[in-house]
C-alpha atoms as a PDB file:
ATOM      1  CA  MET A   1       0.000   0.000   0.000  1.00  0.00           C
ATOM      2  CA  ASP A   2       1.358   3.405  -0.975  1.00  0.00           C
ATOM      3  CA  LEU A   3       1.704   6.015   1.722  1.00  0.00           C
ATOM      4  CA  ILE A   4       0.346   9.509   1.238  1.00  0.00           C
ATOM      5  CA  SER A   5       3.287  11.868   0.858  1.00  0.00           C
ATOM      6  CA  ASN A   6       1.472  14.963  -0.449  1.00  0.00           C
ATOM      7  CA  LEU A   7      -1.821  16.061   1.073  1.00  0.00           C
ATOM      8  CA  ILE A   8      -3.911  18.988  -0.131  1.00  0.00           C
ATOM      9  CA  LEU A   9      -5.861  20.323   2.853  1.00  0.00           C
ATOM     10  CA  ILE A  10      -8.882  22.565   2.233  1.00  0.00           C
ATOM     11  CA  ASP A  11     -10.532  24.004   5.338  1.00  0.00           C
ATOM     12  CA  SER A  12     -11.878  27.501   5.977  1.00  0.00           C
ATOM     13  CA  ASP A  13     -11.206  27.234   9.729  1.00  0.00           C
ATOM     14  CA  MET A  14      -7.669  28.566  10.239  1.00  0.00           C
ATOM     15  CA  ARG A  15      -7.106  26.940  13.643  1.00  0.00           C
ATOM     16  CA  ARG A  16      -8.314  23.511  12.568  1.00  0.00           C
ATOM     17  CA  ARG A  17      -6.285  23.768   9.342  1.00  0.00           C
ATOM     18  CA  ALA A  18      -3.155  24.624  11.353  1.00  0.00           C
ATOM     19  CA  ALA A  19      -3.743  21.784  13.836  1.00  0.00           C
ATOM     20  CA  ILE A  20      -4.274  19.212  11.078  1.00  0.00           C
ATOM     21  CA  SER A  21      -1.218  20.472   9.182  1.00  0.00           C
ATOM     22  CA  HIS A  22       0.929  20.234  12.304  1.00  0.00           C
ATOM     23  CA  VAL A  23      -0.100  16.662  13.114  1.00  0.00           C
ATOM     24  CA  LEU A  24       0.309  15.400   9.554  1.00  0.00           C
ATOM     25  CA  SER A  25       3.637  17.162   9.036  1.00  0.00           C
ATOM     26  CA  ALA A  26       4.956  15.371  12.112  1.00  0.00           C
ATOM     27  CA  GLY A  27       4.171  12.130  10.265  1.00  0.00           C
ATOM     28  CA  ASN A  28       6.352  13.140   7.288  1.00  0.00           C
ATOM     29  CA  ILE A  29       3.363  14.085   5.130  1.00  0.00           C
ATOM     30  CA  HIS A  30       3.795  17.241   3.071  1.00  0.00           C
ATOM     31  CA  VAL A  31       0.667  19.353   3.607  1.00  0.00           C
ATOM     32  CA  GLU A  32      -0.428  22.085   1.210  1.00  0.00           C
ATOM     33  CA  PRO A  33      -3.062  24.061   3.157  1.00  0.00           C
ATOM     34  CA  PHE A  34      -5.765  26.098   1.424  1.00  0.00           C
ATOM     35  CA  GLU A  35      -8.632  28.097   2.867  1.00  0.00           C
ATOM     36  CA  HIS A  36     -10.999  27.587  -0.078  1.00  0.00           C
ATOM     37  CA  VAL A  37     -11.184  25.658  -3.340  1.00  0.00           C
ATOM     38  CA  THR A  38     -10.669  28.945  -5.216  1.00  0.00           C
ATOM     39  CA  GLU A  39      -7.171  29.201  -3.698  1.00  0.00           C
ATOM     40  CA  LEU A  40      -6.375  25.698  -4.885  1.00  0.00           C
ATOM     41  CA  ALA A  41      -7.539  26.547  -8.409  1.00  0.00           C
ATOM     42  CA  ALA A  42      -5.060  29.445  -8.523  1.00  0.00           C
ATOM     43  CA  SER A  43      -2.064  27.138  -7.894  1.00  0.00           C
ATOM     44  CA  TRP A  44      -3.118  23.694  -9.094  1.00  0.00           C
ATOM     45  CA  PRO A  45      -0.864  20.934  -7.680  1.00  0.00           C
ATOM     46  CA  ARG A  46       0.701  18.152  -9.744  1.00  0.00           C
ATOM     47  CA  SER A  47      -0.392  15.355  -7.450  1.00  0.00           C
ATOM     48  CA  GLY A  48      -1.798  14.587  -4.051  1.00  0.00           C
ATOM     49  CA  VAL A  49      -4.766  13.489  -2.037  1.00  0.00           C
ATOM     50  CA  VAL A  50      -7.368  16.095  -1.074  1.00  0.00           C
ATOM     51  CA  LEU A  51      -8.562  16.284   2.527  1.00  0.00           C
ATOM     52  CA  ILE A  52     -11.502  18.698   2.546  1.00  0.00           C
ATOM     53  CA  HIS A  53     -13.782  19.913   5.302  1.00  0.00           C
ATOM     54  CA  ASP A  54     -17.337  19.033   4.275  1.00  0.00           C
ATOM     55  CA  GLU A  55     -19.048  22.394   4.414  1.00  0.00           C
ATOM     56  CA  PRO A  56     -21.967  23.350   2.147  1.00  0.00           C
ATOM     57  CA  GLY A  57     -20.909  23.454  -1.506  1.00  0.00           C
ATOM     58  CA  ALA A  58     -17.212  22.712  -0.890  1.00  0.00           C
ATOM     59  CA  ILE A  59     -17.093  19.228  -2.395  1.00  0.00           C
ATOM     60  CA  GLU A  60     -19.179  20.265  -5.395  1.00  0.00           C
ATOM     61  CA  ASP A  61     -16.836  23.229  -5.976  1.00  0.00           C
ATOM     62  CA  LEU A  62     -13.818  20.918  -5.730  1.00  0.00           C
ATOM     63  CA  ILE A  63     -15.250  18.448  -8.248  1.00  0.00           C
ATOM     64  CA  ASP A  64     -16.127  21.301 -10.630  1.00  0.00           C
ATOM     65  CA  SER A  65     -12.585  22.658 -10.305  1.00  0.00           C
ATOM     66  CA  MET A  66     -11.051  19.236 -11.002  1.00  0.00           C
ATOM     67  CA  ALA A  67     -13.261  18.874 -14.082  1.00  0.00           C
ATOM     68  CA  ARG A  68     -12.145  22.296 -15.371  1.00  0.00           C
ATOM     69  CA  HIS A  69      -8.465  21.421 -14.861  1.00  0.00           C
ATOM     70  CA  GLY A  70      -8.893  17.912 -16.258  1.00  0.00           C
ATOM     71  CA  GLU A  71      -6.949  16.461 -13.335  1.00  0.00           C
ATOM     72  CA  TRP A  72      -8.525  14.285 -10.668  1.00  0.00           C
ATOM     73  CA  PHE A  73      -7.271  13.593  -7.164  1.00  0.00           C
ATOM     74  CA  PRO A  74      -8.641  11.238  -4.520  1.00  0.00           C
ATOM     75  CA  ILE A  75     -10.942  13.097  -2.109  1.00  0.00           C
ATOM     76  CA  ILE A  76     -11.328  12.494   1.621  1.00  0.00           C
ATOM     77  CA  ALA A  77     -14.092  14.591   3.181  1.00  0.00           C
ATOM     78  CA  PHE A  78     -14.283  15.155   6.924  1.00  0.00           C
ATOM     79  CA  SER A  79     -16.608  16.860   9.367  1.00  0.00           C
ATOM     80  CA  GLU A  80     -16.577  17.421  13.095  1.00  0.00           C
ATOM     81  CA  GLN A  81     -20.281  16.514  13.149  1.00  0.00           C
ATOM     82  CA  PRO A  82     -20.890  13.996  10.348  1.00  0.00           C
ATOM     83  CA  GLY A  83     -24.516  13.462   9.493  1.00  0.00           C
ATOM     84  CA  ALA A  84     -25.594  16.641  11.308  1.00  0.00           C
END
């Protein structure tokens, strides 16, 4: 099984984004943090796995952006209150 070495983190909450980045970086995972999908679109990465906070419209925006760029990355969505 391949390990994740490059993670694209999209989360509008600055503190949570910093905490996640810190923990993952300690595990030798390169984290590219973004506040919104629009930031990601401005500097599209070559590869990676996307970890995105599941807030209204975020995943749809990400999929639309991937379709426009013609490059697809695996997506992992997370929420502090899943199903709420």
